[in-house]
Structures are given as structure tokens and as C-alpha cells.
Amino acid sequence: MFAAAPVLFSLYYFSIYPEDLLCLKDGVYSSCSRDYICSSPTPIQYVIDYNSGGENQHNWIQQYDLLCASKFQISAIGSSFFLGNFAGSFVLPRLGDIYGRKPLFQFGLVLQTITYLGLLKASRIEVLYCLLVLGGISKTGTSDVGYIYAVEVMPKRHRNLSGLLIFVVFAVIKVNVCLYFWLS
């Protein structure tokens, strides 16, 4: 149920542009800006200065070479996940009412596993978008349908506490994700 949380809570960090860039000029790397690199008519060789202390993450901006991508392409990363979550929210909860929550929860887990394995192997941004849509759908099956399933299988006297603890765990995961990116 909590497996989607690190990716969901990290979408912002996965799409942050690096702050400190070094461009190769006359055989020497010197500080330059993203605008300088992207507006050049010829390709410029650059590296990210990870030792500068700025917001320079190893993320999808570098992995998919999105430094000069449009804002639409970057915003589509988070939007793809939430599009899948939105679409899944219309279908999966109702199917859970009809066919039972356990099969839908299991479907979400399988879809989530496929999505995460795909994210590890994806090499094109279009594939990333598709995988994030599937990840959003799987999030509905694992987190939303899974939450209801988990609370329903609890004895009545433990339902309130178990529901509360599920949300506490989500909060702890979110804090840990933020600390990870802040301290790394």
C-alpha cells in the first residue's frame, strides 16, 4: 500500500532543473546558465556542478536530457501520474465494489510492480509519461482501494486506529522523502 508513496511524493524532486552548470569554453569549464546552453545555436558541452551546494539532483532532467525541454514537457511528468490517478479513481473503486477489493488491490500491486520495473528501464520521455499514467492507475488500486480493504478487514474496535496509522505512515514517508532530497 505504501510502495507508491516514495515516487508520488518525489515527483517534484525528479523534475527540478539543476542550478549550477559548468560549460566547456576554450577547454575550461566555467559557470554558465541554462538559458545560455539552450539558446546557443550549436550544442554546448556542459556538466552539472554537484559540489556547489545548490539544488543539483541526479533526476529525470539529466536522465532524459530535459535541460532544454519546454515547461510543458516538464509539467507533463507530474500531470501524467495524476491523470492516471484521476482516471483510475473513476473505474477501480466501483470495480472494487462489484468484484471485491482484494482482487483490485492485487491488480494494483501487479500494475505497480510493472510500472516500477519499467521506470528503471525507461530510456525515452514518452515511455516515462506512459509509465506514470499506469503508476497513477496502480496508485488508485493500491492506496485508495487498498486503504478501504485494509480498514474493512480489521476488527471493528481497531478500524479507527488502523486508518489513522495508515495516514501517519504516509506522513512519515513524505517527511523522509523531503529529508532525503534536502540532505543529499
C-alpha atoms as a PDB file:
ATOM      1  CA  MET A   1       0.000   0.000   0.000  1.00  0.00           C
ATOM      2  CA  PHE A   2       2.851   2.378   0.774  1.00  0.00           C
ATOM      3  CA  ALA A   3       5.095   1.420  -2.148  1.00  0.00           C
ATOM      4  CA  ALA A   4       3.799   4.213  -4.412  1.00  0.00           C
ATOM      5  CA  ALA A   5       4.398   6.900  -1.799  1.00  0.00           C
ATOM      6  CA  PRO A   6       8.128   7.482  -2.417  1.00  0.00           C
ATOM      7  CA  VAL A   7       7.552   8.026  -6.142  1.00  0.00           C
ATOM      8  CA  LEU A   8       4.381  10.067  -5.656  1.00  0.00           C
ATOM      9  CA  PHE A   9       5.984  12.340  -3.083  1.00  0.00           C
ATOM     10  CA  SER A  10       9.189  12.673  -5.148  1.00  0.00           C
ATOM     11  CA  LEU A  11       7.698  13.794  -8.477  1.00  0.00           C
ATOM     12  CA  TYR A  12       8.624  17.389  -7.710  1.00  0.00           C
ATOM     13  CA  TYR A  13      12.230  16.477  -6.930  1.00  0.00           C
ATOM     14  CA  PHE A  14      12.530  14.278 -10.006  1.00  0.00           C
ATOM     15  CA  SER A  15      11.855  17.286 -12.237  1.00  0.00           C
ATOM     16  CA  ILE A  16      13.933  20.086 -10.659  1.00  0.00           C
ATOM     17  CA  TYR A  17      16.315  21.840 -13.023  1.00  0.00           C
ATOM     18  CA  PRO A  18      19.925  21.924 -11.828  1.00  0.00           C
ATOM     19  CA  GLU A  19      21.053  25.309 -10.527  1.00  0.00           C
ATOM     20  CA  ASP A  20      24.799  25.133 -11.094  1.00  0.00           C
ATOM     21  CA  LEU A  21      26.036  24.312 -14.581  1.00  0.00           C
ATOM     22  CA  LEU A  22      29.568  24.375 -15.939  1.00  0.00           C
ATOM     23  CA  CYS A  23      30.086  24.874 -19.681  1.00  0.00           C
ATOM     24  CA  LEU A  24      33.179  23.973 -21.651  1.00  0.00           C
ATOM     25  CA  LYS A  25      34.677  27.184 -23.066  1.00  0.00           C
ATOM     26  CA  ASP A  26      38.145  27.161 -24.601  1.00  0.00           C
ATOM     27  CA  GLY A  27      38.993  23.859 -22.928  1.00  0.00           C
ATOM     28  CA  VAL A  28      37.998  25.045 -19.438  1.00  0.00           C
ATOM     29  CA  TYR A  29      34.732  24.538 -17.571  1.00  0.00           C
ATOM     30  CA  SER A  30      33.232  27.758 -16.266  1.00  0.00           C
ATOM     31  CA  SER A  31      29.906  28.699 -14.743  1.00  0.00           C
ATOM     32  CA  CYS A  32      27.024  29.177 -17.166  1.00  0.00           C
ATOM     33  CA  SER A  33      23.244  29.297 -17.166  1.00  0.00           C
ATOM     34  CA  ARG A  34      20.564  27.043 -18.536  1.00  0.00           C
ATOM     35  CA  ASP A  35      19.420  29.880 -20.828  1.00  0.00           C
ATOM     36  CA  TYR A  36      22.926  30.169 -22.283  1.00  0.00           C
ATOM     37  CA  ILE A  37      23.048  26.435 -23.058  1.00  0.00           C
ATOM     38  CA  CYS A  38      19.545  26.276 -24.515  1.00  0.00           C
ATOM     39  CA  SER A  39      19.791  29.438 -26.636  1.00  0.00           C
ATOM     40  CA  SER A  40      23.085  28.504 -28.279  1.00  0.00           C
ATOM     41  CA  PRO A  41      22.749  27.645 -31.983  1.00  0.00           C
ATOM     42  CA  THR A  42      25.407  24.946 -31.572  1.00  0.00           C
ATOM     43  CA  PRO A  43      25.447  22.233 -28.917  1.00  0.00           C
ATOM     44  CA  ILE A  44      27.396  23.193 -25.810  1.00  0.00           C
ATOM     45  CA  GLN A  45      29.140  20.615 -23.688  1.00  0.00           C
ATOM     46  CA  TYR A  46      28.184  21.071 -20.042  1.00  0.00           C
ATOM     47  CA  VAL A  47      28.307  19.291 -16.715  1.00  0.00           C
ATOM     48  CA  ILE A  48      26.358  19.795 -13.526  1.00  0.00           C
ATOM     49  CA  ASP A  49      28.380  21.077 -10.583  1.00  0.00           C
ATOM     50  CA  TYR A  50      27.234  18.760  -7.804  1.00  0.00           C
ATOM     51  CA  ASN A  51      29.856  20.154  -5.414  1.00  0.00           C
ATOM     52  CA  SER A  52      28.481  23.699  -5.393  1.00  0.00           C
ATOM     53  CA  GLY A  53      25.852  23.086  -2.727  1.00  0.00           C
ATOM     54  CA  GLY A  54      22.894  24.177  -4.857  1.00  0.00           C
ATOM     55  CA  GLU A  55      19.758  22.303  -5.905  1.00  0.00           C
ATOM     56  CA  ASN A  56      21.525  19.821  -8.158  1.00  0.00           C
ATOM     57  CA  GLN A  57      19.846  16.428  -8.057  1.00  0.00           C
ATOM     58  CA  HIS A  58      20.507  13.315 -10.099  1.00  0.00           C
ATOM     59  CA  ASN A  59      16.992  13.159 -11.508  1.00  0.00           C
ATOM     60  CA  TRP A  60      14.915  12.765 -14.662  1.00  0.00           C
ATOM     61  CA  ILE A  61      16.114  16.124 -16.038  1.00  0.00           C
ATOM     62  CA  GLN A  62      19.560  14.586 -16.518  1.00  0.00           C
ATOM     63  CA  GLN A  63      18.420  11.027 -17.223  1.00  0.00           C
ATOM     64  CA  TYR A  64      16.167  12.052 -20.123  1.00  0.00           C
ATOM     65  CA  ASP A  65      18.237  15.094 -21.201  1.00  0.00           C
ATOM     66  CA  LEU A  66      15.438  17.563 -20.460  1.00  0.00           C
ATOM     67  CA  LEU A  67      17.604  20.577 -19.627  1.00  0.00           C
ATOM     68  CA  CYS A  68      16.285  22.468 -22.658  1.00  0.00           C
ATOM     69  CA  ALA A  69      12.842  20.872 -22.699  1.00  0.00           C
ATOM     70  CA  SER A  70       9.753  23.043 -22.691  1.00  0.00           C
ATOM     71  CA  LYS A  71       7.891  23.741 -19.474  1.00  0.00           C
ATOM     72  CA  PHE A  72       5.031  21.668 -20.866  1.00  0.00           C
ATOM     73  CA  GLN A  73       7.261  18.601 -21.175  1.00  0.00           C
ATOM     74  CA  ILE A  74       8.437  19.023 -17.577  1.00  0.00           C
ATOM     75  CA  SER A  75       4.954  19.646 -16.186  1.00  0.00           C
ATOM     76  CA  ALA A  76       3.692  16.592 -18.079  1.00  0.00           C
ATOM     77  CA  ILE A  77       5.787  14.417 -15.741  1.00  0.00           C
ATOM     78  CA  GLY A  78       3.620  15.137 -12.708  1.00  0.00           C
ATOM     79  CA  SER A  79       0.483  15.579 -14.771  1.00  0.00           C
ATOM     80  CA  SER A  80       0.825  12.087 -16.252  1.00  0.00           C
ATOM     81  CA  PHE A  81       0.795  10.494 -12.824  1.00  0.00           C
ATOM     82  CA  PHE A  82      -2.219  12.492 -11.701  1.00  0.00           C
ATOM     83  CA  LEU A  83      -4.029  11.827 -14.981  1.00  0.00           C
ATOM     84  CA  GLY A  84      -3.688   8.099 -14.303  1.00  0.00           C
ATOM     85  CA  ASN A  85      -4.788   8.596 -10.702  1.00  0.00           C
ATOM     86  CA  PHE A  86      -7.788  10.622 -11.879  1.00  0.00           C
ATOM     87  CA  ALA A  87      -8.787   8.020 -14.475  1.00  0.00           C
ATOM     88  CA  GLY A  88      -8.276   5.146 -12.062  1.00  0.00           C
ATOM     89  CA  SER A  89     -10.432   6.870  -9.451  1.00  0.00           C
ATOM     90  CA  PHE A  90     -13.442   6.645 -11.755  1.00  0.00           C
ATOM     91  CA  VAL A  91     -13.066   2.952 -12.525  1.00  0.00           C
ATOM     92  CA  LEU A  92     -11.252   0.975  -9.829  1.00  0.00           C
ATOM     93  CA  PRO A  93     -13.278   1.867  -6.711  1.00  0.00           C
ATOM     94  CA  ARG A  94     -16.529   0.880  -8.437  1.00  0.00           C
ATOM     95  CA  LEU A  95     -14.962  -2.344  -9.715  1.00  0.00           C
ATOM     96  CA  GLY A  96     -13.852  -2.982  -6.138  1.00  0.00           C
ATOM     97  CA  ASP A  97     -17.474  -2.731  -5.044  1.00  0.00           C
ATOM     98  CA  ILE A  98     -18.558  -5.190  -7.741  1.00  0.00           C
ATOM     99  CA  TYR A  99     -15.738  -7.765  -7.775  1.00  0.00           C
ATOM    100  CA  GLY A 100     -14.273  -7.288  -4.325  1.00  0.00           C
ATOM    101  CA  ARG A 101     -11.462  -5.094  -3.066  1.00  0.00           C
ATOM    102  CA  LYS A 102      -8.846  -7.824  -2.728  1.00  0.00           C
ATOM    103  CA  PRO A 103      -8.620  -8.610  -6.491  1.00  0.00           C
ATOM    104  CA  LEU A 104      -8.442  -4.895  -7.316  1.00  0.00           C
ATOM    105  CA  PHE A 105      -5.772  -4.368  -4.666  1.00  0.00           C
ATOM    106  CA  GLN A 106      -3.782  -7.275  -6.132  1.00  0.00           C
ATOM    107  CA  PHE A 107      -4.249  -5.867  -9.647  1.00  0.00           C
ATOM    108  CA  GLY A 108      -2.893  -2.538  -8.400  1.00  0.00           C
ATOM    109  CA  LEU A 109       0.151  -4.258  -6.893  1.00  0.00           C
ATOM    110  CA  VAL A 110       0.918  -6.114 -10.122  1.00  0.00           C
ATOM    111  CA  LEU A 111       0.470  -2.950 -12.191  1.00  0.00           C
ATOM    112  CA  GLN A 112       2.637  -1.022  -9.740  1.00  0.00           C
ATOM    113  CA  THR A 113       5.403  -3.630  -9.976  1.00  0.00           C
ATOM    114  CA  ILE A 114       5.318  -3.462 -13.777  1.00  0.00           C
ATOM    115  CA  THR A 115       5.397   0.335 -13.598  1.00  0.00           C
ATOM    116  CA  TYR A 116       8.385   0.468 -11.257  1.00  0.00           C
ATOM    117  CA  LEU A 117      10.358  -2.063 -13.280  1.00  0.00           C
ATOM    118  CA  GLY A 118       9.552  -0.016 -16.378  1.00  0.00           C
ATOM    119  CA  LEU A 119      10.719   3.191 -14.691  1.00  0.00           C
ATOM    120  CA  LEU A 120      14.073   1.565 -14.022  1.00  0.00           C
ATOM    121  CA  LYS A 121      14.479   0.617 -17.689  1.00  0.00           C
ATOM    122  CA  ALA A 122      12.784   3.539 -19.476  1.00  0.00           C
ATOM    123  CA  SER A 123      15.040   5.460 -21.828  1.00  0.00           C
ATOM    124  CA  ARG A 124      12.591   7.825 -23.562  1.00  0.00           C
ATOM    125  CA  ILE A 125      10.437  10.565 -22.083  1.00  0.00           C
ATOM    126  CA  GLU A 126       7.334   9.290 -23.878  1.00  0.00           C
ATOM    127  CA  VAL A 127       7.741   5.920 -22.166  1.00  0.00           C
ATOM    128  CA  LEU A 128       8.125   7.744 -18.833  1.00  0.00           C
ATOM    129  CA  TYR A 129       4.818   9.553 -19.414  1.00  0.00           C
ATOM    130  CA  CYS A 130       3.007   6.278 -20.170  1.00  0.00           C
ATOM    131  CA  LEU A 131       4.528   4.555 -17.156  1.00  0.00           C
ATOM    132  CA  LEU A 132       3.490   7.423 -14.904  1.00  0.00           C
ATOM    133  CA  VAL A 133      -0.108   7.166 -16.154  1.00  0.00           C
ATOM    134  CA  LEU A 134      -0.012   3.456 -15.293  1.00  0.00           C
ATOM    135  CA  GLY A 135       1.554   4.350 -11.956  1.00  0.00           C
ATOM    136  CA  GLY A 136      -1.333   6.695 -11.229  1.00  0.00           C
ATOM    137  CA  ILE A 137      -3.837   3.978 -12.028  1.00  0.00           C
ATOM    138  CA  SER A 138      -1.956   1.493  -9.848  1.00  0.00           C
ATOM    139  CA  LYS A 139      -1.868   4.047  -7.026  1.00  0.00           C
ATOM    140  CA  THR A 140      -5.663   4.086  -7.040  1.00  0.00           C
ATOM    141  CA  GLY A 141      -5.719   0.295  -6.740  1.00  0.00           C
ATOM    142  CA  THR A 142      -3.080   0.043  -4.030  1.00  0.00           C
ATOM    143  CA  SER A 143      -3.611   3.154  -1.925  1.00  0.00           C
ATOM    144  CA  ASP A 144      -7.273   4.070  -2.301  1.00  0.00           C
ATOM    145  CA  VAL A 145      -8.893   0.662  -2.758  1.00  0.00           C
ATOM    146  CA  GLY A 146      -6.184  -0.852  -0.529  1.00  0.00           C
ATOM    147  CA  TYR A 147      -6.975   1.593   2.274  1.00  0.00           C
ATOM    148  CA  ILE A 148     -10.646   0.646   2.271  1.00  0.00           C
ATOM    149  CA  TYR A 149      -9.735  -3.052   2.060  1.00  0.00           C
ATOM    150  CA  ALA A 150      -7.283  -2.773   4.974  1.00  0.00           C
ATOM    151  CA  VAL A 151      -9.763  -0.953   7.192  1.00  0.00           C
ATOM    152  CA  GLU A 152     -12.574  -3.382   6.322  1.00  0.00           C
ATOM    153  CA  VAL A 153     -10.582  -6.475   7.295  1.00  0.00           C
ATOM    154  CA  MET A 154      -9.694  -5.004  10.691  1.00  0.00           C
ATOM    155  CA  PRO A 155     -11.818  -5.839  13.710  1.00  0.00           C
ATOM    156  CA  LYS A 156     -14.319  -3.035  14.347  1.00  0.00           C
ATOM    157  CA  ARG A 157     -12.568  -1.881  17.513  1.00  0.00           C
ATOM    158  CA  HIS A 158      -9.276  -1.323  15.597  1.00  0.00           C
ATOM    159  CA  ARG A 159     -10.612   0.356  12.437  1.00  0.00           C
ATOM    160  CA  ASN A 160     -10.176   3.941  13.592  1.00  0.00           C
ATOM    161  CA  LEU A 161      -6.672   3.344  14.871  1.00  0.00           C
ATOM    162  CA  SER A 162      -5.583   1.370  11.798  1.00  0.00           C
ATOM    163  CA  GLY A 163      -6.942   4.074   9.476  1.00  0.00           C
ATOM    164  CA  LEU A 164      -5.086   6.714  11.475  1.00  0.00           C
ATOM    165  CA  LEU A 165      -1.848   4.722  11.437  1.00  0.00           C
ATOM    166  CA  ILE A 166      -2.016   4.321   7.661  1.00  0.00           C
ATOM    167  CA  PHE A 167      -2.075   8.098   7.268  1.00  0.00           C
ATOM    168  CA  VAL A 168       0.674   8.533   9.861  1.00  0.00           C
ATOM    169  CA  VAL A 169       2.890   6.174   7.849  1.00  0.00           C
ATOM    170  CA  PHE A 170       2.175   8.196   4.690  1.00  0.00           C
ATOM    171  CA  ALA A 171       3.188  11.370   6.553  1.00  0.00           C
ATOM    172  CA  VAL A 172       6.412   9.777   7.813  1.00  0.00           C
ATOM    173  CA  ILE A 173       7.256   8.649   4.268  1.00  0.00           C
ATOM    174  CA  LYS A 174       6.675  12.178   2.963  1.00  0.00           C
ATOM    175  CA  VAL A 175       8.946  13.664   5.623  1.00  0.00           C
ATOM    176  CA  ASN A 176      11.639  11.062   4.848  1.00  0.00           C
ATOM    177  CA  VAL A 177      11.466  11.810   1.115  1.00  0.00           C
ATOM    178  CA  CYS A 178      11.844  15.525   1.772  1.00  0.00           C
ATOM    179  CA  LEU A 179      14.762  14.932   4.126  1.00  0.00           C
ATOM    180  CA  TYR A 180      16.444  12.622   1.625  1.00  0.00           C
ATOM    181  CA  PHE A 181      16.401  15.218  -1.150  1.00  0.00           C
ATOM    182  CA  TRP A 182      17.189  18.076   1.203  1.00  0.00           C
ATOM    183  CA  LEU A 183      20.216  16.370   2.735  1.00  0.00           C
ATOM    184  CA  SER A 184      21.597  14.729  -0.417  1.00  0.00           C
END
